All heavy atoms as atom14 arrays in JSON, in Angstrom:
{
  "sequence": "YNFWASVLKLRKTYVDIFVYGNYEAVDRD",
  "atom14_mask": [
    [1, 1, 1, 1, 1, 1, 1, 1, 1, 1, 1, 1, 0, 0],
    [1, 1, 1, 1, 1, 1, 1, 1, 0, 0, 0, 0, 0, 0],
    [1, 1, 1, 1, 1, 1, 1, 1, 1, 1, 1, 0, 0, 0],
    [1, 1, 1, 1, 1, 1, 1, 1, 1, 1, 1, 1, 1, 1],
    [1, 1, 1, 1, 1, 0, 0, 0, 0, 0, 0, 0, 0, 0],
    [1, 1, 1, 1, 1, 1, 0, 0, 0, 0, 0, 0, 0, 0],
    [1, 1, 1, 1, 1, 1, 1, 0, 0, 0, 0, 0, 0, 0],
    [1, 1, 1, 1, 1, 1, 1, 1, 0, 0, 0, 0, 0, 0],
    [1, 1, 1, 1, 1, 1, 1, 1, 1, 0, 0, 0, 0, 0],
    [1, 1, 1, 1, 1, 1, 1, 1, 0, 0, 0, 0, 0, 0],
    [1, 1, 1, 1, 1, 1, 1, 1, 1, 1, 1, 0, 0, 0],
    [1, 1, 1, 1, 1, 1, 1, 1, 1, 0, 0, 0, 0, 0],
    [1, 1, 1, 1, 1, 1, 1, 0, 0, 0, 0, 0, 0, 0],
    [1, 1, 1, 1, 1, 1, 1, 1, 1, 1, 1, 1, 0, 0],
    [1, 1, 1, 1, 1, 1, 1, 0, 0, 0, 0, 0, 0, 0],
    [1, 1, 1, 1, 1, 1, 1, 1, 0, 0, 0, 0, 0, 0],
    [1, 1, 1, 1, 1, 1, 1, 1, 0, 0, 0, 0, 0, 0],
    [1, 1, 1, 1, 1, 1, 1, 1, 1, 1, 1, 0, 0, 0],
    [1, 1, 1, 1, 1, 1, 1, 0, 0, 0, 0, 0, 0, 0],
    [1, 1, 1, 1, 1, 1, 1, 1, 1, 1, 1, 1, 0, 0],
    [1, 1, 1, 1, 0, 0, 0, 0, 0, 0, 0, 0, 0, 0],
    [1, 1, 1, 1, 1, 1, 1, 1, 0, 0, 0, 0, 0, 0],
    [1, 1, 1, 1, 1, 1, 1, 1, 1, 1, 1, 1, 0, 0],
    [1, 1, 1, 1, 1, 1, 1, 1, 1, 0, 0, 0, 0, 0],
    [1, 1, 1, 1, 1, 0, 0, 0, 0, 0, 0, 0, 0, 0],
    [1, 1, 1, 1, 1, 1, 1, 0, 0, 0, 0, 0, 0, 0],
    [1, 1, 1, 1, 1, 1, 1, 1, 0, 0, 0, 0, 0, 0],
    [1, 1, 1, 1, 1, 1, 1, 1, 1, 1, 1, 0, 0, 0],
    [1, 1, 1, 1, 1, 1, 1, 1, 0, 0, 0, 0, 0, 0]
  ],
  "atom14_positions": [
    [[130.21, 17.5, -57.88], [130.74, 16.62, -56.83], [132.25, 16.44, -56.99], [133.02, 16.61, -56.03], [130.02, 15.27, -56.86], [130.65, 14.2, -56.0], [130.31, 14.07, -54.66], [131.6, 13.32, -56.53], [130.9, 13.09, -53.86], [132.19, 12.34, -55.75], [131.84, 12.22, -54.41], [132.42, 11.26, -53.63], [0.0, 0.0, 0.0], [0.0, 0.0, 0.0]],
    [[132.67, 16.09, -58.19], [134.1, 15.86, -58.42], [134.9, 17.15, -58.41], [136.09, 17.15, -58.09], [134.3, 15.08, -59.72], [134.03, 13.59, -59.53], [134.61, 12.96, -58.66], [133.1, 13.05, -60.31], [0.0, 0.0, 0.0], [0.0, 0.0, 0.0], [0.0, 0.0, 0.0], [0.0, 0.0, 0.0], [0.0, 0.0, 0.0], [0.0, 0.0, 0.0]],
    [[134.25, 18.27, -58.72], [134.94, 19.55, -58.61], [135.22, 19.89, -57.15], [136.29, 20.4, -56.82], [134.15, 20.68, -59.28], [134.9, 21.98, -59.28], [135.83, 22.25, -60.26], [134.7, 22.92, -58.27], [136.56, 23.43, -60.26], [135.42, 24.1, -58.24], [136.35, 24.36, -59.24], [0.0, 0.0, 0.0], [0.0, 0.0, 0.0], [0.0, 0.0, 0.0]],
    [[134.24, 19.64, -56.28], [134.49, 19.84, -54.84], [135.71, 19.04, -54.39], [136.54, 19.53, -53.62], [133.25, 19.45, -54.02], [132.33, 20.59, -53.73], [131.13, 20.84, -54.32], [132.54, 21.63, -52.77], [130.57, 21.99, -53.79], [131.41, 22.49, -52.84], [133.56, 21.95, -51.88], [131.29, 23.62, -52.04], [133.43, 23.08, -51.08], [132.31, 23.91, -51.16]],
    [[135.82, 17.8, -54.86], [136.98, 16.98, -54.51], [138.27, 17.66, -55.0], [139.28, 17.67, -54.29], [136.84, 15.59, -55.12], [0.0, 0.0, 0.0], [0.0, 0.0, 0.0], [0.0, 0.0, 0.0], [0.0, 0.0, 0.0], [0.0, 0.0, 0.0], [0.0, 0.0, 0.0], [0.0, 0.0, 0.0], [0.0, 0.0, 0.0], [0.0, 0.0, 0.0]],
    [[138.21, 18.26, -56.17], [139.39, 18.92, -56.73], [139.79, 20.15, -55.94], [140.97, 20.38, -55.66], [139.14, 19.31, -58.19], [138.94, 18.17, -59.0], [0.0, 0.0, 0.0], [0.0, 0.0, 0.0], [0.0, 0.0, 0.0], [0.0, 0.0, 0.0], [0.0, 0.0, 0.0], [0.0, 0.0, 0.0], [0.0, 0.0, 0.0], [0.0, 0.0, 0.0]],
    [[138.81, 20.97, -55.57], [139.14, 22.21, -54.87], [139.62, 21.93, -53.45], [140.53, 22.6, -52.94], [137.95, 23.21, -54.91], [136.84, 22.82, -53.96], [138.43, 24.62, -54.62], [0.0, 0.0, 0.0], [0.0, 0.0, 0.0], [0.0, 0.0, 0.0], [0.0, 0.0, 0.0], [0.0, 0.0, 0.0], [0.0, 0.0, 0.0], [0.0, 0.0, 0.0]],
    [[139.05, 20.9, -52.8], [139.52, 20.54, -51.46], [140.92, 19.94, -51.51], [141.74, 20.16, -50.6], [138.53, 19.58, -50.8], [137.16, 20.18, -50.45], [136.25, 19.11, -49.85], [137.28, 21.36, -49.5], [0.0, 0.0, 0.0], [0.0, 0.0, 0.0], [0.0, 0.0, 0.0], [0.0, 0.0, 0.0], [0.0, 0.0, 0.0], [0.0, 0.0, 0.0]],
    [[141.2, 19.21, -52.58], [142.55, 18.66, -52.75], [143.55, 19.78, -52.99], [144.67, 19.77, -52.44], [142.56, 17.68, -53.93], [143.93, 17.05, -54.18], [143.88, 16.07, -55.36], [145.26, 15.46, -55.61], [145.23, 14.52, -56.77], [0.0, 0.0, 0.0], [0.0, 0.0, 0.0], [0.0, 0.0, 0.0], [0.0, 0.0, 0.0], [0.0, 0.0, 0.0]],
    [[143.18, 20.78, -53.79], [144.06, 21.91, -54.05], [144.37, 22.65, -52.76], [145.51, 23.08, -52.52], [143.41, 22.86, -55.05], [144.24, 24.07, -55.47], [145.43, 23.63, -56.33], [143.39, 25.09, -56.22], [0.0, 0.0, 0.0], [0.0, 0.0, 0.0], [0.0, 0.0, 0.0], [0.0, 0.0, 0.0], [0.0, 0.0, 0.0], [0.0, 0.0, 0.0]],
    [[143.37, 22.82, -51.92], [143.56, 23.5, -50.63], [144.62, 22.81, -49.8], [145.44, 23.47, -49.13], [142.21, 23.54, -49.89], [142.23, 24.25, -48.55], [140.82, 24.3, -47.97], [140.82, 24.98, -46.68], [140.97, 24.38, -45.52], [141.12, 23.04, -45.48], [140.95, 25.06, -44.39], [0.0, 0.0, 0.0], [0.0, 0.0, 0.0], [0.0, 0.0, 0.0]],
    [[144.65, 21.51, -49.84], [145.65, 20.76, -49.05], [147.02, 20.7, -49.75], [148.05, 20.68, -49.09], [145.15, 19.35, -48.77], [144.02, 19.32, -47.73], [143.67, 17.91, -47.33], [142.68, 17.93, -46.18], [142.29, 16.58, -45.74], [0.0, 0.0, 0.0], [0.0, 0.0, 0.0], [0.0, 0.0, 0.0], [0.0, 0.0, 0.0], [0.0, 0.0, 0.0]],
    [[146.99, 20.67, -51.06], [148.25, 20.65, -51.8], [149.04, 21.92, -51.55], [150.27, 21.89, -51.39], [147.98, 20.48, -53.31], [147.25, 19.27, -53.52], [149.28, 20.43, -54.09], [0.0, 0.0, 0.0], [0.0, 0.0, 0.0], [0.0, 0.0, 0.0], [0.0, 0.0, 0.0], [0.0, 0.0, 0.0], [0.0, 0.0, 0.0], [0.0, 0.0, 0.0]],
    [[148.33, 23.05, -51.51], [148.97, 24.34, -51.26], [148.53, 24.86, -49.89], [147.99, 25.95, -49.76], [148.59, 25.33, -52.36], [149.18, 24.98, -53.71], [148.5, 24.12, -54.58], [150.4, 25.5, -54.12], [149.04, 23.79, -55.82], [150.94, 25.17, -55.36], [150.25, 24.31, -56.2], [150.79, 23.99, -57.42], [0.0, 0.0, 0.0], [0.0, 0.0, 0.0]],
    [[148.77, 24.05, -48.89], [148.25, 24.34, -47.55], [148.79, 25.65, -46.99], [148.07, 26.4, -46.32], [148.52, 23.16, -46.59], [150.01, 22.98, -46.34], [147.78, 23.32, -45.28], [0.0, 0.0, 0.0], [0.0, 0.0, 0.0], [0.0, 0.0, 0.0], [0.0, 0.0, 0.0], [0.0, 0.0, 0.0], [0.0, 0.0, 0.0], [0.0, 0.0, 0.0]],
    [[150.05, 25.97, -47.25], [150.62, 27.21, -46.73], [149.86, 28.43, -47.29], [149.55, 29.36, -46.55], [152.11, 27.32, -47.07], [152.98, 26.44, -46.2], [152.47, 25.95, -45.16], [154.15, 26.23, -46.55], [0.0, 0.0, 0.0], [0.0, 0.0, 0.0], [0.0, 0.0, 0.0], [0.0, 0.0, 0.0], [0.0, 0.0, 0.0], [0.0, 0.0, 0.0]],
    [[149.58, 28.39, -48.59], [148.9, 29.54, -49.21], [147.43, 29.6, -48.8], [146.96, 30.63, -48.29], [149.0, 29.45, -50.75], [150.45, 29.52, -51.21], [148.18, 30.58, -51.39], [150.62, 29.35, -52.72], [0.0, 0.0, 0.0], [0.0, 0.0, 0.0], [0.0, 0.0, 0.0], [0.0, 0.0, 0.0], [0.0, 0.0, 0.0], [0.0, 0.0, 0.0]],
    [[146.7, 28.49, -49.01], [145.24, 28.56, -48.89], [144.72, 28.34, -47.47], [143.57, 28.66, -47.18], [144.59, 27.58, -49.86], [144.79, 27.94, -51.3], [145.44, 27.08, -52.17], [144.37, 29.17, -51.78], [145.64, 27.42, -53.49], [144.57, 29.52, -53.1], [145.22, 28.65, -53.97], [0.0, 0.0, 0.0], [0.0, 0.0, 0.0], [0.0, 0.0, 0.0]],
    [[145.53, 27.79, -46.59], [145.11, 27.66, -45.2], [145.74, 28.75, -44.34], [145.07, 29.42, -43.56], [145.46, 26.26, -44.63], [145.09, 26.17, -43.15], [144.72, 25.18, -45.43], [0.0, 0.0, 0.0], [0.0, 0.0, 0.0], [0.0, 0.0, 0.0], [0.0, 0.0, 0.0], [0.0, 0.0, 0.0], [0.0, 0.0, 0.0], [0.0, 0.0, 0.0]],
    [[147.04, 28.99, -44.53], [147.75, 29.89, -43.62], [148.16, 31.23, -44.23], [148.73, 32.08, -43.54], [148.98, 29.17, -43.07], [148.61, 27.95, -42.24], [148.88, 26.66, -42.7], [147.97, 28.1, -41.01], [148.53, 25.54, -41.94], [147.61, 26.98, -40.26], [147.89, 25.71, -40.72], [147.54, 24.63, -39.97], [0.0, 0.0, 0.0], [0.0, 0.0, 0.0]],
    [[147.87, 31.43, -45.51], [148.24, 32.7, -46.13], [147.28, 33.83, -45.77], [146.16, 33.6, -45.32], [0.0, 0.0, 0.0], [0.0, 0.0, 0.0], [0.0, 0.0, 0.0], [0.0, 0.0, 0.0], [0.0, 0.0, 0.0], [0.0, 0.0, 0.0], [0.0, 0.0, 0.0], [0.0, 0.0, 0.0], [0.0, 0.0, 0.0], [0.0, 0.0, 0.0]],
    [[147.72, 35.06, -46.0], [146.84, 36.2, -45.73], [145.86, 36.38, -46.89], [145.96, 35.74, -47.93], [147.63, 37.47, -45.45], [148.21, 38.1, -46.7], [148.29, 37.46, -47.76], [148.62, 39.36, -46.6], [0.0, 0.0, 0.0], [0.0, 0.0, 0.0], [0.0, 0.0, 0.0], [0.0, 0.0, 0.0], [0.0, 0.0, 0.0], [0.0, 0.0, 0.0]],
    [[144.93, 37.29, -46.72], [143.85, 37.53, -47.68], [143.86, 39.0, -48.06], [143.93, 39.87, -47.19], [142.51, 37.17, -47.03], [141.27, 37.45, -47.86], [140.59, 36.42, -48.5], [140.73, 38.74, -47.96], [139.43, 36.65, -49.21], [139.57, 38.99, -48.68], [138.93, 37.94, -49.31], [137.77, 38.18, -50.02], [0.0, 0.0, 0.0], [0.0, 0.0, 0.0]],
    [[143.77, 39.27, -49.35], [143.67, 40.66, -49.79], [142.66, 40.74, -50.93], [142.76, 40.01, -51.92], [145.03, 41.18, -50.25], [145.02, 42.66, -50.61], [146.39, 43.2, -50.93], [147.38, 42.43, -50.8], [146.48, 44.37, -51.34], [0.0, 0.0, 0.0], [0.0, 0.0, 0.0], [0.0, 0.0, 0.0], [0.0, 0.0, 0.0], [0.0, 0.0, 0.0]],
    [[141.67, 41.61, -50.77], [140.65, 41.79, -51.81], [141.26, 42.43, -53.05], [142.15, 43.27, -52.96], [139.51, 42.65, -51.28], [0.0, 0.0, 0.0], [0.0, 0.0, 0.0], [0.0, 0.0, 0.0], [0.0, 0.0, 0.0], [0.0, 0.0, 0.0], [0.0, 0.0, 0.0], [0.0, 0.0, 0.0], [0.0, 0.0, 0.0], [0.0, 0.0, 0.0]],
    [[140.74, 42.02, -54.2], [141.15, 42.58, -55.49], [139.9, 43.1, -56.19], [138.87, 42.41, -56.2], [141.86, 41.52, -56.35], [142.21, 42.08, -57.73], [143.1, 40.99, -55.65], [0.0, 0.0, 0.0], [0.0, 0.0, 0.0], [0.0, 0.0, 0.0], [0.0, 0.0, 0.0], [0.0, 0.0, 0.0], [0.0, 0.0, 0.0], [0.0, 0.0, 0.0]],
    [[139.98, 44.28, -56.79], [138.83, 44.89, -57.49], [137.61, 44.9, -56.57], [136.51, 44.46, -56.95], [138.54, 44.13, -58.79], [137.85, 45.02, -59.82], [137.44, 46.14, -59.46], [137.69, 44.59, -60.97], [0.0, 0.0, 0.0], [0.0, 0.0, 0.0], [0.0, 0.0, 0.0], [0.0, 0.0, 0.0], [0.0, 0.0, 0.0], [0.0, 0.0, 0.0]],
    [[137.82, 45.46, -55.41], [136.84, 45.42, -54.31], [135.46, 45.96, -54.7], [134.43, 45.47, -54.26], [137.4, 46.22, -53.13], [136.5, 46.29, -51.92], [137.12, 47.14, -50.82], [138.27, 46.5, -50.2], [139.53, 46.86, -50.41], [139.81, 47.86, -51.25], [140.51, 46.24, -49.79], [0.0, 0.0, 0.0], [0.0, 0.0, 0.0], [0.0, 0.0, 0.0]],
    [[135.42, 46.98, -55.56], [134.16, 47.66, -55.84], [133.38, 47.07, -57.01], [132.28, 47.54, -57.33], [134.42, 49.15, -56.13], [135.02, 49.87, -54.93], [134.68, 49.49, -53.79], [135.84, 50.79, -55.13], [0.0, 0.0, 0.0], [0.0, 0.0, 0.0], [0.0, 0.0, 0.0], [0.0, 0.0, 0.0], [0.0, 0.0, 0.0], [0.0, 0.0, 0.0]]
  ]
}
């Protein structure tokens, strides 16, 4: 429960990266 609070807070703290940044797979296979 408290980890969910932490990860959602991180998403907002780094909103440019985690909300508006692009996505690239790493070690896809």
